[in-house]
Amino acid sequence: MQNRVVAGRYAAALLRTAVAYGELDRVEQDLDLLTRSLAAEETLGRFLDSPRERPAAKKQLVEKVFGERLSPTTRRFFYLLIDKKRHSLLPLIAQRYREHADEVRGVTVAKVRVSRPLTPEGEAAVQAKVKALTGRAVRLEVKVDPAVVGGICLRVGNRIIDYTLQRQLSELREDIIAGTVPRGRRRPGWQAGVRATSTAGVRKGNEHQA
């Protein structure tokens, strides 16, 4: 929790600088490049983590590896993290920066869990649904989760909209136990969850607060 708070402060400070210099998008791209590179290059990560290496040597390596691919704003910021021994927070900082940047752009982030990848048509349908709910532009974060049984599950802020067959079966079972569903009658939306799996379209689902 403490690391997330610290990362949020660094991200907010970087965002203010990026906005002032008109580099909101460029800095976000730089952070993504740095994060992916550090995750992929273990040697680079170990060198930056080493207490034996001086900050100047670490900065020289960063300059050699990334060169002009990083904007001056991002480079200075990362050097500051090295000096403060906070470079390990970069993934969290990048995440928090992206969240702040989306707020500045007026973009809503929808986290989507599906049993298999969405088609382009499916992504467009989900975006349209979330935009209709929020009235804002939408960026999807899609996660393929084998635990999802049919359909999709959306999270927008603290709102969860569950279109999964798994949830519909659970509610149907509860209704049967409670005696509220006559024998032979299916609950509305029973087949919608099945269709959502193959078409990735959005049907009337179950919505609740997280």
C-alpha atoms as a PDB file:
ATOM      1  CA  MET A   1       0.000   0.000   0.000  1.00  0.00           C
ATOM      2  CA  GLN A   2       2.803   2.417   0.888  1.00  0.00           C
ATOM      3  CA  ASN A   3       4.537   1.801  -2.429  1.00  0.00           C
ATOM      4  CA  ARG A   4       1.316   2.558  -4.298  1.00  0.00           C
ATOM      5  CA  VAL A   5       0.949   5.842  -2.433  1.00  0.00           C
ATOM      6  CA  VAL A   6       4.534   6.840  -3.204  1.00  0.00           C
ATOM      7  CA  ALA A   7       4.137   5.770  -6.829  1.00  0.00           C
ATOM      8  CA  GLY A   8       0.989   7.864  -7.076  1.00  0.00           C
ATOM      9  CA  ARG A   9       2.868  10.959  -5.909  1.00  0.00           C
ATOM     10  CA  TYR A  10       5.650  10.463  -8.433  1.00  0.00           C
ATOM     11  CA  ALA A  11       3.117   9.803 -11.194  1.00  0.00           C
ATOM     12  CA  ALA A  12       1.137  12.936 -10.338  1.00  0.00           C
ATOM     13  CA  ALA A  13       4.286  15.082 -10.379  1.00  0.00           C
ATOM     14  CA  LEU A  14       5.351  13.618 -13.729  1.00  0.00           C
ATOM     15  CA  LEU A  15       1.874  14.155 -15.145  1.00  0.00           C
ATOM     16  CA  ARG A  16       1.934  17.859 -14.252  1.00  0.00           C
ATOM     17  CA  THR A  17       5.274  18.256 -16.009  1.00  0.00           C
ATOM     18  CA  ALA A  18       4.114  16.283 -19.052  1.00  0.00           C
ATOM     19  CA  VAL A  19       0.946  18.374 -19.384  1.00  0.00           C
ATOM     20  CA  ALA A  20       2.929  21.595 -19.025  1.00  0.00           C
ATOM     21  CA  TYR A  21       5.245  20.561 -21.883  1.00  0.00           C
ATOM     22  CA  GLY A  22       2.488  19.051 -24.024  1.00  0.00           C
ATOM     23  CA  GLU A  23       3.970  15.562 -23.708  1.00  0.00           C
ATOM     24  CA  LEU A  24       1.126  13.649 -22.090  1.00  0.00           C
ATOM     25  CA  ASP A  25       1.053  10.871 -24.697  1.00  0.00           C
ATOM     26  CA  ARG A  26       4.806  10.793 -25.318  1.00  0.00           C
ATOM     27  CA  VAL A  27       5.647  10.297 -21.645  1.00  0.00           C
ATOM     28  CA  GLU A  28       3.085   7.499 -21.352  1.00  0.00           C
ATOM     29  CA  GLN A  29       4.712   5.761 -24.323  1.00  0.00           C
ATOM     30  CA  ASP A  30       8.145   6.233 -22.730  1.00  0.00           C
ATOM     31  CA  LEU A  31       7.007   4.701 -19.451  1.00  0.00           C
ATOM     32  CA  ASP A  32       5.585   1.743 -21.323  1.00  0.00           C
ATOM     33  CA  LEU A  33       8.882   1.292 -23.180  1.00  0.00           C
ATOM     34  CA  LEU A  34      10.897   1.447 -19.961  1.00  0.00           C
ATOM     35  CA  THR A  35       8.586  -0.942 -18.122  1.00  0.00           C
ATOM     36  CA  ARG A  36       8.581  -3.529 -20.913  1.00  0.00           C
ATOM     37  CA  SER A  37      12.340  -3.293 -21.388  1.00  0.00           C
ATOM     38  CA  LEU A  38      13.144  -3.727 -17.708  1.00  0.00           C
ATOM     39  CA  ALA A  39      10.821  -6.721 -17.526  1.00  0.00           C
ATOM     40  CA  ALA A  40      12.380  -8.333 -20.597  1.00  0.00           C
ATOM     41  CA  GLU A  41      16.067  -7.536 -19.974  1.00  0.00           C
ATOM     42  CA  GLU A  42      17.097  -9.178 -16.714  1.00  0.00           C
ATOM     43  CA  THR A  43      20.690  -7.971 -17.049  1.00  0.00           C
ATOM     44  CA  LEU A  44      19.570  -4.352 -17.228  1.00  0.00           C
ATOM     45  CA  GLY A  45      17.311  -4.803 -14.235  1.00  0.00           C
ATOM     46  CA  ARG A  46      20.020  -6.433 -12.151  1.00  0.00           C
ATOM     47  CA  PHE A  47      22.482  -3.648 -12.984  1.00  0.00           C
ATOM     48  CA  LEU A  48      20.019  -0.957 -11.920  1.00  0.00           C
ATOM     49  CA  ASP A  49      19.198  -2.877  -8.741  1.00  0.00           C
ATOM     50  CA  SER A  50      22.836  -3.429  -7.785  1.00  0.00           C
ATOM     51  CA  PRO A  51      23.940  -1.426  -4.715  1.00  0.00           C
ATOM     52  CA  ARG A  52      27.541  -1.693  -5.942  1.00  0.00           C
ATOM     53  CA  GLU A  53      26.930   0.412  -9.030  1.00  0.00           C
ATOM     54  CA  ARG A  54      26.937   4.189  -8.731  1.00  0.00           C
ATOM     55  CA  PRO A  55      23.962   6.224  -9.963  1.00  0.00           C
ATOM     56  CA  ALA A  56      26.160   7.832 -12.631  1.00  0.00           C
ATOM     57  CA  ALA A  57      27.003   4.423 -14.118  1.00  0.00           C
ATOM     58  CA  LYS A  58      23.338   3.438 -14.105  1.00  0.00           C
ATOM     59  CA  LYS A  59      22.368   6.634 -15.917  1.00  0.00           C
ATOM     60  CA  GLN A  60      25.075   6.060 -18.500  1.00  0.00           C
ATOM     61  CA  LEU A  61      23.682   2.600 -19.192  1.00  0.00           C
ATOM     62  CA  VAL A  62      20.154   3.965 -19.544  1.00  0.00           C
ATOM     63  CA  GLU A  63      21.447   6.561 -21.998  1.00  0.00           C
ATOM     64  CA  LYS A  64      23.288   3.885 -23.973  1.00  0.00           C
ATOM     65  CA  VAL A  65      20.310   1.511 -24.111  1.00  0.00           C
ATOM     66  CA  PHE A  66      17.508   3.988 -24.810  1.00  0.00           C
ATOM     67  CA  GLY A  67      19.207   7.072 -26.245  1.00  0.00           C
ATOM     68  CA  GLU A  68      16.799   9.356 -28.085  1.00  0.00           C
ATOM     69  CA  ARG A  69      13.934   6.900 -27.691  1.00  0.00           C
ATOM     70  CA  LEU A  70      13.134   8.603 -24.387  1.00  0.00           C
ATOM     71  CA  SER A  71      11.998  12.198 -24.222  1.00  0.00           C
ATOM     72  CA  PRO A  72      14.138  14.547 -22.084  1.00  0.00           C
ATOM     73  CA  THR A  73      11.255  14.765 -19.604  1.00  0.00           C
ATOM     74  CA  THR A  74      11.078  11.005 -19.125  1.00  0.00           C
ATOM     75  CA  ARG A  75      14.860  10.643 -19.020  1.00  0.00           C
ATOM     76  CA  ARG A  76      15.223  13.257 -16.280  1.00  0.00           C
ATOM     77  CA  PHE A  77      12.401  11.656 -14.337  1.00  0.00           C
ATOM     78  CA  PHE A  78      13.954   8.197 -14.524  1.00  0.00           C
ATOM     79  CA  TYR A  79      17.317   9.588 -13.453  1.00  0.00           C
ATOM     80  CA  LEU A  80      15.551  11.071 -10.439  1.00  0.00           C
ATOM     81  CA  LEU A  81      14.138   7.649  -9.592  1.00  0.00           C
ATOM     82  CA  ILE A  82      17.647   6.190  -9.814  1.00  0.00           C
ATOM     83  CA  ASP A  83      19.025   8.881  -7.502  1.00  0.00           C
ATOM     84  CA  LYS A  84      16.218   8.273  -5.001  1.00  0.00           C
ATOM     85  CA  LYS A  85      16.532   4.480  -5.325  1.00  0.00           C
ATOM     86  CA  ARG A  86      12.898   4.355  -6.434  1.00  0.00           C
ATOM     87  CA  HIS A  87      13.346   2.907  -9.938  1.00  0.00           C
ATOM     88  CA  SER A  88      11.826  -0.399  -8.790  1.00  0.00           C
ATOM     89  CA  LEU A  89       8.521   1.474  -8.479  1.00  0.00           C
ATOM     90  CA  LEU A  90       8.456   2.185 -12.202  1.00  0.00           C
ATOM     91  CA  PRO A  91       5.692  -0.365 -13.069  1.00  0.00           C
ATOM     92  CA  LEU A  92       3.428   1.115 -10.377  1.00  0.00           C
ATOM     93  CA  ILE A  93       4.285   4.653 -11.427  1.00  0.00           C
ATOM     94  CA  ALA A  94       3.492   3.823 -15.055  1.00  0.00           C
ATOM     95  CA  GLN A  95       0.138   2.352 -14.022  1.00  0.00           C
ATOM     96  CA  ARG A  96      -0.781   5.368 -11.900  1.00  0.00           C
ATOM     97  CA  TYR A  97       0.380   7.759 -14.636  1.00  0.00           C
ATOM     98  CA  ARG A  98      -1.851   5.992 -17.148  1.00  0.00           C
ATOM     99  CA  GLU A  99      -4.814   6.324 -14.785  1.00  0.00           C
ATOM    100  CA  HIS A 100      -4.165  10.050 -14.267  1.00  0.00           C
ATOM    101  CA  ALA A 101      -3.649  10.573 -18.005  1.00  0.00           C
ATOM    102  CA  ASP A 102      -6.977   8.887 -18.765  1.00  0.00           C
ATOM    103  CA  GLU A 103      -8.681  11.279 -16.354  1.00  0.00           C
ATOM    104  CA  VAL A 104      -7.118  14.255 -18.130  1.00  0.00           C
ATOM    105  CA  ARG A 105      -8.296  12.881 -21.497  1.00  0.00           C
ATOM    106  CA  GLY A 106     -11.784  12.141 -20.170  1.00  0.00           C
ATOM    107  CA  VAL A 107     -11.352   8.424 -20.841  1.00  0.00           C
ATOM    108  CA  THR A 108     -13.105   5.678 -18.883  1.00  0.00           C
ATOM    109  CA  VAL A 109     -11.209   2.431 -18.341  1.00  0.00           C
ATOM    110  CA  ALA A 110     -13.285  -0.738 -18.548  1.00  0.00           C
ATOM    111  CA  LYS A 111     -11.681  -3.919 -17.241  1.00  0.00           C
ATOM    112  CA  VAL A 112     -13.033  -6.908 -19.138  1.00  0.00           C
ATOM    113  CA  ARG A 113     -12.726 -10.573 -18.174  1.00  0.00           C
ATOM    114  CA  VAL A 114     -13.519 -13.127 -20.857  1.00  0.00           C
ATOM    115  CA  SER A 115     -13.025 -16.852 -21.352  1.00  0.00           C
ATOM    116  CA  ARG A 116     -11.359 -16.291 -24.729  1.00  0.00           C
ATOM    117  CA  PRO A 117     -10.083 -13.260 -26.698  1.00  0.00           C
ATOM    118  CA  LEU A 118     -12.664 -10.828 -28.015  1.00  0.00           C
ATOM    119  CA  THR A 119     -13.042 -10.293 -31.732  1.00  0.00           C
ATOM    120  CA  PRO A 120     -12.700  -6.710 -33.045  1.00  0.00           C
ATOM    121  CA  GLU A 121     -16.487  -6.661 -33.366  1.00  0.00           C
ATOM    122  CA  GLY A 122     -16.814  -7.830 -29.775  1.00  0.00           C
ATOM    123  CA  GLU A 123     -14.473  -5.110 -28.498  1.00  0.00           C
ATOM    124  CA  ALA A 124     -16.440  -2.491 -30.430  1.00  0.00           C
ATOM    125  CA  ALA A 125     -19.699  -3.758 -28.882  1.00  0.00           C
ATOM    126  CA  VAL A 126     -18.256  -3.600 -25.356  1.00  0.00           C
ATOM    127  CA  GLN A 127     -16.877  -0.110 -25.928  1.00  0.00           C
ATOM    128  CA  ALA A 128     -20.248   1.068 -27.211  1.00  0.00           C
ATOM    129  CA  LYS A 129     -21.980  -0.391 -24.141  1.00  0.00           C
ATOM    130  CA  VAL A 130     -19.602   1.275 -21.690  1.00  0.00           C
ATOM    131  CA  LYS A 131     -19.736   4.576 -23.555  1.00  0.00           C
ATOM    132  CA  ALA A 132     -23.544   4.456 -23.372  1.00  0.00           C
ATOM    133  CA  LEU A 133     -23.305   3.887 -19.608  1.00  0.00           C
ATOM    134  CA  THR A 134     -20.719   6.565 -18.869  1.00  0.00           C
ATOM    135  CA  GLY A 135     -21.006   9.078 -21.691  1.00  0.00           C
ATOM    136  CA  ARG A 136     -17.201   9.065 -22.026  1.00  0.00           C
ATOM    137  CA  ALA A 137     -14.583   7.668 -24.370  1.00  0.00           C
ATOM    138  CA  VAL A 138     -13.540   4.141 -23.407  1.00  0.00           C
ATOM    139  CA  ARG A 139     -10.273   2.218 -23.149  1.00  0.00           C
ATOM    140  CA  LEU A 140     -10.584  -1.529 -22.648  1.00  0.00           C
ATOM    141  CA  GLU A 141      -8.253  -3.634 -20.536  1.00  0.00           C
ATOM    142  CA  VAL A 142      -9.069  -7.182 -21.604  1.00  0.00           C
ATOM    143  CA  LYS A 143      -7.970 -10.194 -19.564  1.00  0.00           C
ATOM    144  CA  VAL A 144      -8.538 -13.747 -20.743  1.00  0.00           C
ATOM    145  CA  ASP A 145      -9.555 -15.762 -17.692  1.00  0.00           C
ATOM    146  CA  PRO A 146     -10.362 -19.487 -18.034  1.00  0.00           C
ATOM    147  CA  ALA A 147     -12.377 -19.219 -14.814  1.00  0.00           C
ATOM    148  CA  VAL A 148     -15.009 -17.188 -16.683  1.00  0.00           C
ATOM    149  CA  VAL A 149     -17.746 -19.580 -17.801  1.00  0.00           C
ATOM    150  CA  GLY A 150     -19.351 -18.111 -20.908  1.00  0.00           C
ATOM    151  CA  GLY A 151     -19.954 -14.439 -21.663  1.00  0.00           C
ATOM    152  CA  ILE A 152     -18.014 -11.511 -20.223  1.00  0.00           C
ATOM    153  CA  CYS A 153     -17.633  -9.604 -16.969  1.00  0.00           C
ATOM    154  CA  LEU A 154     -17.109  -5.813 -17.020  1.00  0.00           C
ATOM    155  CA  ARG A 155     -15.728  -3.587 -14.293  1.00  0.00           C
ATOM    156  CA  VAL A 156     -16.043   0.176 -14.673  1.00  0.00           C
ATOM    157  CA  GLY A 157     -14.860   1.944 -11.543  1.00  0.00           C
ATOM    158  CA  ASN A 158     -16.750   0.305  -8.685  1.00  0.00           C
ATOM    159  CA  ARG A 159     -19.525  -0.928 -10.985  1.00  0.00           C
ATOM    160  CA  ILE A 160     -19.505  -4.564 -12.059  1.00  0.00           C
ATOM    161  CA  ILE A 161     -21.690  -5.775 -14.914  1.00  0.00           C
ATOM    162  CA  ASP A 162     -21.719  -9.551 -15.103  1.00  0.00           C
ATOM    163  CA  TYR A 163     -22.874 -11.181 -18.352  1.00  0.00           C
ATOM    164  CA  THR A 164     -21.354 -14.567 -17.618  1.00  0.00           C
ATOM    165  CA  LEU A 165     -23.264 -17.808 -17.879  1.00  0.00           C
ATOM    166  CA  GLN A 166     -21.676 -18.739 -14.553  1.00  0.00           C
ATOM    167  CA  ARG A 167     -23.501 -15.935 -12.754  1.00  0.00           C
ATOM    168  CA  GLN A 168     -26.788 -16.650 -14.491  1.00  0.00           C
ATOM    169  CA  LEU A 169     -26.582 -20.317 -13.489  1.00  0.00           C
ATOM    170  CA  SER A 170     -25.801 -19.304  -9.904  1.00  0.00           C
ATOM    171  CA  GLU A 171     -28.815 -16.986  -9.738  1.00  0.00           C
ATOM    172  CA  LEU A 172     -31.055 -19.577 -11.383  1.00  0.00           C
ATOM    173  CA  ARG A 173     -29.966 -22.145  -8.788  1.00  0.00           C
ATOM    174  CA  GLU A 174     -30.728 -19.687  -5.987  1.00  0.00           C
ATOM    175  CA  ASP A 175     -34.178 -18.997  -7.441  1.00  0.00           C
ATOM    176  CA  ILE A 176     -34.926 -22.715  -7.745  1.00  0.00           C
ATOM    177  CA  ILE A 177     -33.901 -23.270  -4.132  1.00  0.00           C
ATOM    178  CA  ALA A 178     -36.097 -20.356  -3.094  1.00  0.00           C
ATOM    179  CA  GLY A 179     -38.955 -21.763  -5.172  1.00  0.00           C
ATOM    180  CA  THR A 180     -39.366 -18.605  -7.256  1.00  0.00           C
ATOM    181  CA  VAL A 181     -38.806 -20.205 -10.703  1.00  0.00           C
ATOM    182  CA  PRO A 182     -41.499 -22.616 -11.935  1.00  0.00           C
ATOM    183  CA  ARG A 183     -40.266 -25.953 -13.246  1.00  0.00           C
ATOM    184  CA  GLY A 184     -39.441 -25.885 -16.940  1.00  0.00           C
ATOM    185  CA  ARG A 185     -39.149 -22.117 -17.083  1.00  0.00           C
ATOM    186  CA  ARG A 186     -35.802 -20.591 -17.811  1.00  0.00           C
ATOM    187  CA  ARG A 187     -34.643 -17.374 -16.283  1.00  0.00           C
ATOM    188  CA  PRO A 188     -34.522 -14.380 -18.749  1.00  0.00           C
ATOM    189  CA  GLY A 189     -31.070 -13.989 -20.235  1.00  0.00           C
ATOM    190  CA  TRP A 190     -30.229 -17.729 -19.912  1.00  0.00           C
ATOM    191  CA  GLN A 191     -29.237 -18.018 -23.565  1.00  0.00           C
ATOM    192  CA  ALA A 192     -27.843 -14.489 -23.796  1.00  0.00           C
ATOM    193  CA  GLY A 193     -24.736 -15.482 -21.871  1.00  0.00           C
ATOM    194  CA  VAL A 194     -24.143 -18.395 -24.218  1.00  0.00           C
ATOM    195  CA  ARG A 195     -24.482 -16.198 -27.283  1.00  0.00           C
ATOM    196  CA  ALA A 196     -22.164 -13.603 -25.782  1.00  0.00           C
ATOM    197  CA  THR A 197     -19.393 -16.202 -25.714  1.00  0.00           C
ATOM    198  CA  SER A 198     -19.497 -16.755 -29.449  1.00  0.00           C
ATOM    199  CA  THR A 199     -20.425 -13.257 -30.635  1.00  0.00           C
ATOM    200  CA  ALA A 200     -18.935 -11.204 -27.801  1.00  0.00           C
ATOM    201  CA  GLY A 201     -22.019  -9.008 -28.131  1.00  0.00           C
ATOM    202  CA  VAL A 202     -23.466  -7.331 -25.077  1.00  0.00           C
ATOM    203  CA  ARG A 203     -26.841  -8.415 -23.802  1.00  0.00           C
ATOM    204  CA  LYS A 204     -28.859  -7.431 -20.805  1.00  0.00           C
ATOM    205  CA  GLY A 205     -26.841  -8.596 -17.821  1.00  0.00           C
ATOM    206  CA  ASN A 206     -26.609  -8.449 -14.082  1.00  0.00           C
ATOM    207  CA  GLU A 207     -25.221  -5.235 -12.640  1.00  0.00           C
ATOM    208  CA  HIS A 208     -24.092  -4.535  -9.116  1.00  0.00           C
ATOM    209  CA  GLN A 209     -21.697  -2.379  -7.164  1.00  0.00           C
ATOM    210  CA  ALA A 210     -18.311  -3.770  -6.146  1.00  0.00           C
END
